Amino acid sequence: MTLPEYTLLALSSLFVIVDPFAAVPAFLAMTAGNTVSERVRMSRTASIVAGLLMLVFALVGKWLFRFLGITLPAFQMAGSVVLLLVALDMVRARVSRVRQTVEEQTAGMGKDDIAVTPLAVPMLAGPGAISTVILLHAKADTLPKHLLLLGSIVAVASSCHLVLALASRGTQWLSPIAMRVIERIMGLMLAAIAFQFLINALAELGVVSRPAGG
């Protein structure tokens, strides 16, 4: 594979699997009570965390998983639990404890929780992104390709911040009632995504057959 071909492969596959546009509705619903500046700050934090996680797995992911005895199905199952906890609270229009604990609320730092979990992990840098990074690393047989992979990860992470920040500034016209409706709808969708993670993990383990398009 030539260098331009690898560059195109890395950029396109990473952007498609991370898919920041798919995270926009859930991000807006889960931050309905936040200001625009707070949303922009959370999008920046989430993009940095997601980018750093993908960089780590691009460098040592294959050996780290092997050393710890962790499989991708196990990571998918863990991600499904985190998403499901948030989804259930969204459907009930409650502040998720995954997002904000009592102690953190008292300290005034709870609003940042969503940036790391579940936004950065597993919504942006989920099992699919991590496995894609590891596969791309395996295909990089020269130093320039390794460097291009790292650059592609930085570019995709930057695009995540750009997409989420632009979405944050475009919701000022939405009423609180509209945001509540969106929150409940996205809660249902997040629950579906959580169960899809679980189904994919079980399919990889051979417990169930892989669904079409899975």
N, C-alpha and C. Protein backbone atom coordinates (compact mmCIF):
# COMPACT_ATOMS: atom_id res chain seq x y z
N MET A 1 0.85 -1.20 0.00
CA MET A 1 0.00 0.00 0.00
C MET A 1 0.88 1.24 0.00
N THR A 2 0.62 2.15 -0.94
CA THR A 2 1.43 3.36 -1.03
C THR A 2 1.08 4.32 0.10
N LEU A 3 1.94 5.33 0.27
CA LEU A 3 1.74 6.30 1.35
C LEU A 3 0.44 7.09 1.19
N PRO A 4 0.13 7.61 -0.03
CA PRO A 4 -1.16 8.31 -0.20
C PRO A 4 -2.36 7.41 0.06
N GLU A 5 -2.27 6.15 -0.37
CA GLU A 5 -3.37 5.22 -0.14
C GLU A 5 -3.57 4.97 1.35
N TYR A 6 -2.47 4.83 2.08
CA TYR A 6 -2.58 4.60 3.52
C TYR A 6 -3.13 5.83 4.22
N THR A 7 -2.72 7.01 3.77
CA THR A 7 -3.23 8.25 4.37
C THR A 7 -4.74 8.36 4.20
N LEU A 8 -5.21 8.09 2.99
CA LEU A 8 -6.65 8.13 2.71
C LEU A 8 -7.39 7.09 3.54
N LEU A 9 -6.81 5.90 3.63
CA LEU A 9 -7.44 4.83 4.42
C LEU A 9 -7.54 5.22 5.89
N ALA A 10 -6.46 5.75 6.45
CA ALA A 10 -6.44 6.09 7.88
C ALA A 10 -7.42 7.21 8.19
N LEU A 11 -7.40 8.27 7.40
CA LEU A 11 -8.28 9.41 7.66
C LEU A 11 -9.76 9.03 7.49
N SER A 12 -10.07 8.35 6.40
CA SER A 12 -11.47 8.05 6.13
C SER A 12 -12.04 7.03 7.12
N SER A 13 -11.28 5.98 7.39
CA SER A 13 -11.80 4.95 8.29
C SER A 13 -11.95 5.47 9.71
N LEU A 14 -11.00 6.27 10.17
CA LEU A 14 -11.09 6.80 11.53
C LEU A 14 -12.25 7.78 11.66
N PHE A 15 -12.40 8.66 10.67
CA PHE A 15 -13.48 9.65 10.76
C PHE A 15 -14.84 8.97 10.72
N VAL A 16 -14.98 7.96 9.87
CA VAL A 16 -16.26 7.27 9.76
C VAL A 16 -16.59 6.51 11.03
N ILE A 17 -15.61 5.84 11.62
CA ILE A 17 -15.88 5.04 12.81
C ILE A 17 -16.09 5.90 14.05
N VAL A 18 -15.39 7.03 14.14
CA VAL A 18 -15.60 7.95 15.28
C VAL A 18 -16.92 8.69 15.10
N ASP A 19 -17.16 9.19 13.89
CA ASP A 19 -18.44 9.81 13.51
C ASP A 19 -18.93 10.85 14.53
N PRO A 20 -18.28 12.02 14.62
CA PRO A 20 -18.72 13.03 15.58
C PRO A 20 -20.13 13.54 15.34
N PHE A 21 -20.61 13.47 14.11
CA PHE A 21 -21.98 13.93 13.82
C PHE A 21 -23.02 13.07 14.54
N ALA A 22 -22.72 11.78 14.66
CA ALA A 22 -23.66 10.89 15.35
C ALA A 22 -23.73 11.19 16.84
N ALA A 23 -22.69 11.81 17.38
CA ALA A 23 -22.66 12.11 18.82
C ALA A 23 -23.35 13.43 19.15
N VAL A 24 -23.64 14.25 18.13
CA VAL A 24 -24.19 15.59 18.37
C VAL A 24 -25.53 15.56 19.12
N PRO A 25 -26.54 14.80 18.66
CA PRO A 25 -27.83 14.85 19.37
C PRO A 25 -27.72 14.43 20.83
N ALA A 26 -27.00 13.35 21.10
CA ALA A 26 -26.85 12.90 22.48
C ALA A 26 -26.07 13.91 23.30
N PHE A 27 -25.05 14.50 22.71
CA PHE A 27 -24.25 15.52 23.41
C PHE A 27 -25.11 16.71 23.80
N LEU A 28 -25.94 17.18 22.88
CA LEU A 28 -26.81 18.32 23.18
C LEU A 28 -27.85 17.96 24.24
N ALA A 29 -28.39 16.74 24.15
CA ALA A 29 -29.40 16.34 25.12
C ALA A 29 -28.82 16.19 26.51
N MET A 30 -27.63 15.61 26.61
CA MET A 30 -27.02 15.40 27.91
C MET A 30 -26.47 16.68 28.52
N THR A 31 -26.32 17.73 27.72
CA THR A 31 -25.82 19.01 28.24
C THR A 31 -26.90 20.09 28.13
N ALA A 32 -28.16 19.67 28.24
CA ALA A 32 -29.27 20.62 28.08
C ALA A 32 -29.20 21.75 29.11
N GLY A 33 -28.67 21.48 30.30
CA GLY A 33 -28.62 22.49 31.34
C GLY A 33 -27.34 23.30 31.36
N ASN A 34 -26.48 23.10 30.38
CA ASN A 34 -25.20 23.80 30.33
C ASN A 34 -25.23 25.00 29.40
N THR A 35 -24.36 25.95 29.64
CA THR A 35 -24.24 27.11 28.76
C THR A 35 -23.42 26.73 27.52
N VAL A 36 -23.42 27.62 26.54
CA VAL A 36 -22.66 27.37 25.32
C VAL A 36 -21.18 27.23 25.62
N SER A 37 -20.65 28.11 26.47
CA SER A 37 -19.22 28.05 26.79
C SER A 37 -18.87 26.75 27.50
N GLU A 38 -19.76 26.28 28.37
CA GLU A 38 -19.52 25.01 29.05
C GLU A 38 -19.54 23.85 28.06
N ARG A 39 -20.47 23.90 27.12
CA ARG A 39 -20.53 22.85 26.10
C ARG A 39 -19.27 22.84 25.24
N VAL A 40 -18.81 24.01 24.86
CA VAL A 40 -17.60 24.10 24.04
C VAL A 40 -16.41 23.55 24.82
N ARG A 41 -16.33 23.89 26.11
CA ARG A 41 -15.23 23.39 26.94
C ARG A 41 -15.29 21.86 27.06
N MET A 42 -16.51 21.32 27.23
CA MET A 42 -16.64 19.87 27.34
C MET A 42 -16.29 19.19 26.02
N SER A 43 -16.67 19.82 24.91
CA SER A 43 -16.33 19.23 23.60
C SER A 43 -14.83 19.21 23.40
N ARG A 44 -14.16 20.27 23.87
CA ARG A 44 -12.70 20.32 23.75
C ARG A 44 -12.05 19.23 24.60
N THR A 45 -12.52 19.10 25.85
CA THR A 45 -11.96 18.07 26.74
C THR A 45 -12.20 16.68 26.19
N ALA A 46 -13.43 16.43 25.71
CA ALA A 46 -13.75 15.11 25.18
C ALA A 46 -12.89 14.78 23.96
N SER A 47 -12.68 15.75 23.09
CA SER A 47 -11.88 15.52 21.89
C SER A 47 -10.43 15.23 22.24
N ILE A 48 -9.90 15.95 23.24
CA ILE A 48 -8.52 15.71 23.67
C ILE A 48 -8.38 14.32 24.28
N VAL A 49 -9.33 13.97 25.16
CA VAL A 49 -9.28 12.65 25.81
C VAL A 49 -9.40 11.54 24.78
N ALA A 50 -10.36 11.68 23.86
CA ALA A 50 -10.55 10.66 22.82
C ALA A 50 -9.30 10.55 21.95
N GLY A 51 -8.73 11.69 21.57
CA GLY A 51 -7.52 11.68 20.75
C GLY A 51 -6.35 11.02 21.47
N LEU A 52 -6.17 11.36 22.75
CA LEU A 52 -5.07 10.77 23.51
C LEU A 52 -5.25 9.26 23.67
N LEU A 53 -6.49 8.83 23.90
CA LEU A 53 -6.75 7.40 24.04
C LEU A 53 -6.42 6.66 22.75
N MET A 54 -6.84 7.21 21.62
CA MET A 54 -6.53 6.57 20.34
C MET A 54 -5.04 6.58 20.06
N LEU A 55 -4.34 7.65 20.45
CA LEU A 55 -2.89 7.70 20.27
C LEU A 55 -2.20 6.61 21.09
N VAL A 56 -2.68 6.43 22.33
CA VAL A 56 -2.10 5.40 23.19
C VAL A 56 -2.26 4.02 22.57
N PHE A 57 -3.48 3.74 22.09
CA PHE A 57 -3.72 2.43 21.50
C PHE A 57 -3.02 2.27 20.16
N ALA A 58 -2.77 3.37 19.47
CA ALA A 58 -2.01 3.29 18.22
C ALA A 58 -0.56 2.91 18.49
N LEU A 59 -0.07 3.27 19.68
CA LEU A 59 1.32 2.99 20.02
C LEU A 59 1.50 1.67 20.76
N VAL A 60 0.60 1.41 21.73
CA VAL A 60 0.84 0.23 22.59
C VAL A 60 -0.40 -0.63 22.77
N GLY A 61 -1.48 -0.33 22.04
CA GLY A 61 -2.74 -1.04 22.27
C GLY A 61 -2.65 -2.54 22.13
N LYS A 62 -1.98 -3.00 21.07
CA LYS A 62 -1.90 -4.43 20.81
C LYS A 62 -1.21 -5.16 21.96
N TRP A 63 -0.13 -4.56 22.47
CA TRP A 63 0.62 -5.19 23.55
C TRP A 63 -0.08 -5.00 24.90
N LEU A 64 -0.77 -3.86 25.06
CA LEU A 64 -1.46 -3.62 26.32
C LEU A 64 -2.62 -4.60 26.52
N PHE A 65 -3.42 -4.79 25.48
CA PHE A 65 -4.51 -5.75 25.57
C PHE A 65 -3.98 -7.15 25.87
N ARG A 66 -2.88 -7.52 25.21
CA ARG A 66 -2.31 -8.85 25.40
C ARG A 66 -1.76 -9.00 26.82
N PHE A 67 -1.12 -7.95 27.33
CA PHE A 67 -0.52 -7.99 28.67
C PHE A 67 -1.60 -8.10 29.75
N LEU A 68 -2.68 -7.33 29.61
CA LEU A 68 -3.74 -7.32 30.61
C LEU A 68 -4.76 -8.44 30.42
N GLY A 69 -4.69 -9.11 29.30
CA GLY A 69 -5.64 -10.17 29.02
C GLY A 69 -7.04 -9.65 28.72
N ILE A 70 -7.12 -8.42 28.18
CA ILE A 70 -8.40 -7.79 27.87
C ILE A 70 -8.72 -8.03 26.40
N THR A 71 -9.95 -8.41 26.13
CA THR A 71 -10.40 -8.59 24.75
C THR A 71 -11.31 -7.44 24.34
N LEU A 72 -11.44 -7.23 23.04
CA LEU A 72 -12.34 -6.19 22.56
C LEU A 72 -13.80 -6.46 22.94
N PRO A 73 -14.28 -7.71 22.92
CA PRO A 73 -15.64 -7.95 23.41
C PRO A 73 -15.84 -7.48 24.84
N ALA A 74 -14.84 -7.66 25.70
CA ALA A 74 -14.95 -7.20 27.08
C ALA A 74 -15.07 -5.68 27.12
N PHE A 75 -14.29 -4.99 26.27
CA PHE A 75 -14.36 -3.54 26.22
C PHE A 75 -15.72 -3.08 25.71
N GLN A 76 -16.26 -3.79 24.74
CA GLN A 76 -17.59 -3.46 24.22
C GLN A 76 -18.66 -3.63 25.29
N MET A 77 -18.56 -4.68 26.08
CA MET A 77 -19.54 -4.90 27.14
C MET A 77 -19.47 -3.79 28.19
N ALA A 78 -18.26 -3.39 28.55
CA ALA A 78 -18.11 -2.31 29.52
C ALA A 78 -18.70 -1.01 28.99
N GLY A 79 -18.45 -0.73 27.70
CA GLY A 79 -19.02 0.47 27.10
C GLY A 79 -20.53 0.44 27.05
N SER A 80 -21.10 -0.74 26.83
CA SER A 80 -22.55 -0.84 26.78
C SER A 80 -23.18 -0.54 28.14
N VAL A 81 -22.52 -0.96 29.21
CA VAL A 81 -23.04 -0.69 30.56
C VAL A 81 -23.03 0.80 30.85
N VAL A 82 -21.93 1.47 30.51
CA VAL A 82 -21.83 2.91 30.75
C VAL A 82 -22.90 3.68 29.99
N LEU A 83 -23.07 3.35 28.71
CA LEU A 83 -24.07 4.04 27.90
C LEU A 83 -25.48 3.76 28.40
N LEU A 84 -25.74 2.53 28.82
CA LEU A 84 -27.08 2.18 29.29
C LEU A 84 -27.44 2.94 30.56
N LEU A 85 -26.48 3.11 31.47
CA LEU A 85 -26.74 3.86 32.70
C LEU A 85 -27.13 5.30 32.38
N VAL A 86 -26.41 5.91 31.46
CA VAL A 86 -26.73 7.29 31.06
C VAL A 86 -28.07 7.34 30.35
N ALA A 87 -28.33 6.38 29.47
CA ALA A 87 -29.57 6.37 28.69
C ALA A 87 -30.80 6.26 29.58
N LEU A 88 -30.75 5.43 30.60
CA LEU A 88 -31.89 5.26 31.49
C LEU A 88 -32.21 6.56 32.23
N ASP A 89 -31.19 7.27 32.66
CA ASP A 89 -31.42 8.55 33.32
C ASP A 89 -31.96 9.59 32.35
N MET A 90 -31.52 9.55 31.09
CA MET A 90 -32.02 10.50 30.10
C MET A 90 -33.50 10.25 29.81
N VAL A 91 -33.90 8.99 29.72
CA VAL A 91 -35.30 8.68 29.46
C VAL A 91 -36.19 9.17 30.60
N ARG A 92 -35.67 9.10 31.82
CA ARG A 92 -36.43 9.55 32.99
C ARG A 92 -36.19 11.02 33.31
N ALA A 93 -35.45 11.73 32.42
CA ALA A 93 -35.16 13.16 32.60
C ALA A 93 -34.51 13.44 33.94
N ARG A 94 -33.58 12.57 34.30
CA ARG A 94 -32.84 12.73 35.55
C ARG A 94 -31.39 13.01 35.25
N VAL A 95 -30.72 13.71 36.17
CA VAL A 95 -29.29 13.96 36.02
C VAL A 95 -28.56 12.65 36.29
N SER A 96 -27.80 12.19 35.33
CA SER A 96 -27.12 10.91 35.46
C SER A 96 -25.99 11.00 36.46
N ARG A 97 -25.87 9.99 37.33
CA ARG A 97 -24.76 9.92 38.27
C ARG A 97 -23.46 9.58 37.57
N VAL A 98 -23.56 9.07 36.37
CA VAL A 98 -22.35 8.89 35.58
C VAL A 98 -21.77 10.25 35.22
N ARG A 99 -22.67 11.21 35.04
CA ARG A 99 -22.25 12.55 34.69
C ARG A 99 -21.87 13.36 35.91
N GLN A 100 -22.61 13.20 37.01
CA GLN A 100 -22.41 14.09 38.14
C GLN A 100 -22.76 13.40 39.45
N THR A 101 -21.78 13.29 40.35
CA THR A 101 -22.02 12.75 41.67
C THR A 101 -22.34 13.88 42.64
N VAL A 102 -22.84 13.51 43.81
CA VAL A 102 -23.20 14.54 44.79
C VAL A 102 -21.96 15.32 45.21
N GLU A 103 -20.86 14.62 45.45
CA GLU A 103 -19.64 15.30 45.89
C GLU A 103 -19.12 16.26 44.83
N GLU A 104 -19.16 15.81 43.58
CA GLU A 104 -18.67 16.67 42.50
C GLU A 104 -19.62 17.84 42.26
N GLN A 105 -20.90 17.62 42.46
CA GLN A 105 -21.85 18.71 42.32
C GLN A 105 -21.58 19.77 43.38
N THR A 106 -21.29 19.32 44.60
CA THR A 106 -20.98 20.25 45.68
C THR A 106 -19.72 21.04 45.37
N ALA A 107 -18.77 20.36 44.77
CA ALA A 107 -17.50 21.03 44.44
C ALA A 107 -17.60 21.88 43.18
N GLY A 108 -18.72 21.77 42.48
CA GLY A 108 -18.91 22.57 41.27
C GLY A 108 -18.14 22.07 40.08
N MET A 109 -17.76 20.78 40.09
CA MET A 109 -16.96 20.24 38.99
C MET A 109 -17.69 19.16 38.22
N GLY A 110 -18.92 18.85 38.59
CA GLY A 110 -19.64 17.74 37.98
C GLY A 110 -19.93 17.93 36.50
N LYS A 111 -20.02 19.17 36.04
CA LYS A 111 -20.40 19.41 34.65
C LYS A 111 -19.35 18.89 33.69
N ASP A 112 -18.13 18.66 34.14
CA ASP A 112 -17.09 18.18 33.25
C ASP A 112 -17.12 16.68 33.06
N ASP A 113 -17.89 15.96 33.87
CA ASP A 113 -17.86 14.50 33.83
C ASP A 113 -18.24 13.94 32.47
N ILE A 114 -19.25 14.53 31.86
CA ILE A 114 -19.74 14.00 30.59
C ILE A 114 -18.65 14.04 29.52
N ALA A 115 -17.69 14.94 29.66
CA ALA A 115 -16.63 15.07 28.65
C ALA A 115 -15.81 13.79 28.55
N VAL A 116 -15.54 13.17 29.68
CA VAL A 116 -14.72 11.96 29.68
C VAL A 116 -15.58 10.73 29.45
N THR A 117 -16.64 10.59 30.25
CA THR A 117 -17.57 9.46 30.14
C THR A 117 -18.99 9.98 30.21
N PRO A 118 -19.83 9.73 29.26
CA PRO A 118 -19.63 8.80 28.14
C PRO A 118 -19.23 9.44 26.82
N LEU A 119 -18.96 10.76 26.78
CA LEU A 119 -18.74 11.41 25.48
C LEU A 119 -17.43 10.95 24.85
N ALA A 120 -16.32 11.14 25.55
CA ALA A 120 -15.03 10.72 24.98
C ALA A 120 -14.96 9.21 24.86
N VAL A 121 -15.34 8.53 25.95
CA VAL A 121 -15.36 7.06 25.99
C VAL A 121 -16.70 6.61 26.53
N PRO A 122 -17.52 5.86 25.84
CA PRO A 122 -17.17 5.17 24.58
C PRO A 122 -17.78 5.79 23.33
N MET A 123 -18.39 7.00 23.41
CA MET A 123 -19.12 7.52 22.25
C MET A 123 -18.19 7.92 21.11
N LEU A 124 -17.05 8.56 21.43
CA LEU A 124 -16.11 8.94 20.38
C LEU A 124 -15.03 7.87 20.22
N ALA A 125 -14.28 7.63 21.27
CA ALA A 125 -13.22 6.62 21.23
C ALA A 125 -13.75 5.34 21.84
N GLY A 126 -14.65 4.69 21.11
CA GLY A 126 -15.25 3.45 21.58
C GLY A 126 -14.51 2.23 21.06
N PRO A 127 -15.08 1.06 21.26
CA PRO A 127 -14.43 -0.17 20.82
C PRO A 127 -14.11 -0.17 19.32
N GLY A 128 -15.03 0.39 18.52
CA GLY A 128 -14.79 0.43 17.08
C GLY A 128 -13.59 1.27 16.72
N ALA A 129 -13.48 2.45 17.34
CA ALA A 129 -12.35 3.34 17.06
C ALA A 129 -11.04 2.71 17.52
N ILE A 130 -11.06 2.09 18.70
CA ILE A 130 -9.85 1.49 19.23
C ILE A 130 -9.40 0.31 18.36
N SER A 131 -10.34 -0.53 17.97
CA SER A 131 -9.97 -1.66 17.12
C SER A 131 -9.49 -1.19 15.75
N THR A 132 -10.09 -0.11 15.23
CA THR A 132 -9.65 0.44 13.94
C THR A 132 -8.22 0.96 14.04
N VAL A 133 -7.91 1.67 15.13
CA VAL A 133 -6.56 2.19 15.34
C VAL A 133 -5.55 1.05 15.41
N ILE A 134 -5.90 -0.02 16.13
CA ILE A 134 -4.98 -1.16 16.25
C ILE A 134 -4.77 -1.82 14.88
N LEU A 135 -5.84 -1.95 14.09
CA LEU A 135 -5.70 -2.56 12.77
C LEU A 135 -4.87 -1.67 11.84
N LEU A 136 -5.07 -0.36 11.91
CA LEU A 136 -4.28 0.56 11.08
C LEU A 136 -2.81 0.51 11.49
N HIS A 137 -2.57 0.37 12.79
CA HIS A 137 -1.19 0.26 13.27
C HIS A 137 -0.52 -0.99 12.69
N ALA A 138 -1.30 -2.07 12.60
CA ALA A 138 -0.75 -3.31 12.05
C ALA A 138 -0.42 -3.17 10.57
N LYS A 139 -1.14 -2.29 9.86
CA LYS A 139 -0.91 -2.09 8.43
C LYS A 139 0.24 -1.12 8.15
N ALA A 140 0.66 -0.37 9.17
CA ALA A 140 1.73 0.63 9.00
C ALA A 140 3.09 -0.08 9.07
N ASP A 141 3.67 -0.35 7.91
CA ASP A 141 4.93 -1.11 7.87
C ASP A 141 6.16 -0.22 7.70
N THR A 142 5.96 1.09 7.69
CA THR A 142 7.10 2.02 7.59
C THR A 142 6.90 3.15 8.60
N LEU A 143 7.98 3.83 8.92
CA LEU A 143 7.92 4.95 9.86
C LEU A 143 7.01 6.07 9.37
N PRO A 144 7.08 6.48 8.08
CA PRO A 144 6.16 7.53 7.62
C PRO A 144 4.68 7.15 7.81
N LYS A 145 4.34 5.88 7.63
CA LYS A 145 2.96 5.46 7.82
C LYS A 145 2.57 5.54 9.29
N HIS A 146 3.48 5.19 10.18
CA HIS A 146 3.21 5.32 11.60
C HIS A 146 2.95 6.78 11.97
N LEU A 147 3.77 7.68 11.44
CA LEU A 147 3.60 9.10 11.71
C LEU A 147 2.29 9.61 11.12
N LEU A 148 1.94 9.14 9.93
CA LEU A 148 0.68 9.54 9.32
C LEU A 148 -0.52 9.06 10.12
N LEU A 149 -0.41 7.88 10.71
CA LEU A 149 -1.49 7.38 11.56
C LEU A 149 -1.69 8.29 12.77
N LEU A 150 -0.59 8.69 13.39
CA LEU A 150 -0.69 9.60 14.54
C LEU A 150 -1.28 10.94 14.12
N GLY A 151 -0.85 11.44 12.95
CA GLY A 151 -1.40 12.70 12.45
C GLY A 151 -2.88 12.58 12.11
N SER A 152 -3.28 11.45 11.59
CA SER A 152 -4.70 11.23 11.27
C SER A 152 -5.55 11.24 12.54
N ILE A 153 -5.04 10.64 13.60
CA ILE A 153 -5.77 10.64 14.87
C ILE A 153 -5.94 12.05 15.39
N VAL A 154 -4.90 12.86 15.32
CA VAL A 154 -4.98 14.26 15.76
C VAL A 154 -5.99 15.03 14.92
N ALA A 155 -5.98 14.78 13.62
CA ALA A 155 -6.91 15.48 12.72
C ALA A 155 -8.36 15.10 13.02
N VAL A 156 -8.62 13.83 13.26
CA VAL A 156 -9.98 13.38 13.55
C VAL A 156 -10.44 13.91 14.90
N ALA A 157 -9.57 13.91 15.89
CA ALA A 157 -9.93 14.46 17.20
C ALA A 157 -10.24 15.95 17.09
N SER A 158 -9.47 16.67 16.29
CA SER A 158 -9.73 18.10 16.09
C SER A 158 -11.08 18.31 15.41
N SER A 159 -11.41 17.45 14.46
CA SER A 159 -12.70 17.57 13.77
C SER A 159 -13.86 17.30 14.73
N CYS A 160 -13.64 16.42 15.72
CA CYS A 160 -14.68 16.16 16.73
C CYS A 160 -14.98 17.42 17.51
N HIS A 161 -13.94 18.11 17.94
CA HIS A 161 -14.14 19.36 18.68
C HIS A 161 -14.84 20.39 17.82
N LEU A 162 -14.45 20.50 16.56
CA LEU A 162 -15.06 21.48 15.66
C LEU A 162 -16.55 21.20 15.48
N VAL A 163 -16.91 19.95 15.23
CA VAL A 163 -18.31 19.59 15.00
C VAL A 163 -19.14 19.85 16.25
N LEU A 164 -18.66 19.39 17.41
CA LEU A 164 -19.43 19.55 18.65
C LEU A 164 -19.52 21.01 19.08
N ALA A 165 -18.44 21.76 18.89
CA ALA A 165 -18.46 23.18 19.26
C ALA A 165 -19.44 23.96 18.38
N LEU A 166 -19.45 23.67 17.08
CA LEU A 166 -20.40 24.35 16.19
C LEU A 166 -21.83 23.98 16.54
N ALA A 167 -22.06 22.71 16.89
CA ALA A 167 -23.40 22.29 17.29
C ALA A 167 -23.82 22.99 18.59
N SER A 168 -22.88 23.21 19.49
CA SER A 168 -23.20 23.86 20.76
C SER A 168 -23.68 25.29 20.56
N ARG A 169 -23.14 25.97 19.56
CA ARG A 169 -23.50 27.37 19.32
C ARG A 169 -24.78 27.51 18.52
N GLY A 170 -25.31 26.39 18.00
CA GLY A 170 -26.49 26.49 17.14
C GLY A 170 -27.78 26.07 17.80
N THR A 171 -27.78 25.94 19.14
CA THR A 171 -28.98 25.44 19.83
C THR A 171 -29.64 26.48 20.72
N GLN A 172 -29.24 27.75 20.61
CA GLN A 172 -29.79 28.76 21.49
C GLN A 172 -31.28 29.00 21.25
N TRP A 173 -31.76 28.63 20.06
CA TRP A 173 -33.18 28.87 19.74
C TRP A 173 -34.08 27.77 20.28
N LEU A 174 -33.50 26.66 20.75
CA LEU A 174 -34.31 25.55 21.24
C LEU A 174 -34.87 25.86 22.63
N SER A 175 -36.14 25.59 22.84
CA SER A 175 -36.77 25.82 24.13
C SER A 175 -36.45 24.68 25.08
N PRO A 176 -36.60 24.90 26.41
CA PRO A 176 -36.38 23.81 27.38
C PRO A 176 -37.27 22.61 27.12
N ILE A 177 -38.52 22.85 26.68
CA ILE A 177 -39.42 21.73 26.40
C ILE A 177 -38.88 20.90 25.23
N ALA A 178 -38.42 21.58 24.20
CA ALA A 178 -37.86 20.87 23.05
C ALA A 178 -36.64 20.05 23.45
N MET A 179 -35.81 20.60 24.32
CA MET A 179 -34.63 19.88 24.76
C MET A 179 -35.01 18.66 25.59
N ARG A 180 -36.10 18.78 26.38
CA ARG A 180 -36.56 17.62 27.16
C ARG A 180 -37.02 16.50 26.24
N VAL A 181 -37.73 16.89 25.17
CA VAL A 181 -38.18 15.88 24.21
C VAL A 181 -36.99 15.20 23.56
N ILE A 182 -36.01 16.01 23.14
CA ILE A 182 -34.81 15.47 22.52
C ILE A 182 -34.08 14.55 23.49
N GLU A 183 -34.03 14.98 24.76
CA GLU A 183 -33.34 14.18 25.77
C GLU A 183 -33.93 12.78 25.89
N ARG A 184 -35.27 12.70 25.93
CA ARG A 184 -35.91 11.40 26.07
C ARG A 184 -35.73 10.55 24.81
N ILE A 185 -35.85 11.17 23.65
CA ILE A 185 -35.67 10.43 22.40
C ILE A 185 -34.25 9.90 22.30
N MET A 186 -33.27 10.75 22.63
CA MET A 186 -31.88 10.33 22.55
C MET A 186 -31.55 9.31 23.62
N GLY A 187 -32.28 9.35 24.74
CA GLY A 187 -32.10 8.32 25.75
C GLY A 187 -32.44 6.94 25.20
N LEU A 188 -33.54 6.89 24.45
CA LEU A 188 -33.92 5.62 23.81
C LEU A 188 -32.87 5.17 22.79
N MET A 189 -32.36 6.14 22.02
CA MET A 189 -31.36 5.80 21.01
C MET A 189 -30.06 5.34 21.66
N LEU A 190 -29.68 6.00 22.76
CA LEU A 190 -28.47 5.60 23.47
C LEU A 190 -28.61 4.19 24.04
N ALA A 191 -29.82 3.87 24.53
CA ALA A 191 -30.06 2.53 25.04
C ALA A 191 -29.89 1.51 23.92
N ALA A 192 -30.40 1.85 22.73
CA ALA A 192 -30.25 0.94 21.58
C ALA A 192 -28.78 0.76 21.21
N ILE A 193 -28.02 1.86 21.24
CA ILE A 193 -26.59 1.78 20.95
C ILE A 193 -25.89 0.90 21.98
N ALA A 194 -26.27 1.06 23.25
CA ALA A 194 -25.67 0.25 24.31
C ALA A 194 -25.90 -1.24 24.07
N PHE A 195 -27.14 -1.59 23.73
CA PHE A 195 -27.43 -3.00 23.47
C PHE A 195 -26.75 -3.49 22.19
N GLN A 196 -26.54 -2.59 21.22
CA GLN A 196 -25.83 -2.99 20.00
C GLN A 196 -24.39 -3.33 20.31
N PHE A 197 -23.75 -2.53 21.21
CA PHE A 197 -22.41 -2.85 21.66
C PHE A 197 -22.37 -4.26 22.27
N LEU A 198 -23.38 -4.55 23.10
CA LEU A 198 -23.43 -5.85 23.77
C LEU A 198 -23.63 -6.98 22.76
N ILE A 199 -24.53 -6.76 21.79
CA ILE A 199 -24.79 -7.77 20.76
C ILE A 199 -23.53 -8.03 19.94
N ASN A 200 -22.82 -6.96 19.57
CA ASN A 200 -21.58 -7.12 18.80
C ASN A 200 -20.55 -7.93 19.58
N ALA A 201 -20.46 -7.65 20.89
CA ALA A 201 -19.51 -8.39 21.73
C ALA A 201 -19.88 -9.86 21.79
N LEU A 202 -21.15 -10.16 21.99
CA LEU A 202 -21.60 -11.55 22.04
C LEU A 202 -21.40 -12.25 20.70
N ALA A 203 -21.57 -11.49 19.60
CA ALA A 203 -21.36 -12.07 18.27
C ALA A 203 -19.89 -12.44 18.07
N GLU A 204 -18.98 -11.57 18.54
CA GLU A 204 -17.56 -11.87 18.41
C GLU A 204 -17.16 -13.06 19.25
N LEU A 205 -17.87 -13.28 20.35
CA LEU A 205 -17.60 -14.44 21.20
C LEU A 205 -18.28 -15.70 20.68
N GLY A 206 -19.13 -15.54 19.67
CA GLY A 206 -19.82 -16.69 19.09
C GLY A 206 -21.06 -17.12 19.86
N VAL A 207 -21.51 -16.29 20.80
CA VAL A 207 -22.70 -16.62 21.58
C VAL A 207 -23.95 -16.46 20.74
N VAL A 208 -23.98 -15.38 19.92
CA VAL A 208 -25.09 -15.15 19.02
C VAL A 208 -24.53 -14.92 17.63
N SER A 209 -25.38 -15.04 16.62
CA SER A 209 -24.94 -14.78 15.26
C SER A 209 -24.88 -13.29 15.02
N ARG A 210 -23.90 -12.85 14.23
CA ARG A 210 -23.75 -11.41 13.97
C ARG A 210 -24.89 -10.92 13.09
N PRO A 211 -25.59 -9.81 13.53
CA PRO A 211 -26.69 -9.30 12.72
C PRO A 211 -26.20 -8.67 11.44
N ALA A 212 -27.08 -8.60 10.45
CA ALA A 212 -26.72 -7.98 9.16
C ALA A 212 -26.33 -6.54 9.36
N GLY A 213 -25.20 -6.13 8.81
CA GLY A 213 -24.72 -4.77 8.94
C GLY A 213 -24.06 -4.51 10.27
N GLY A 214 -23.90 -5.52 11.13
CA GLY A 214 -23.30 -5.34 12.43
C GLY A 214 -21.80 -5.25 12.40
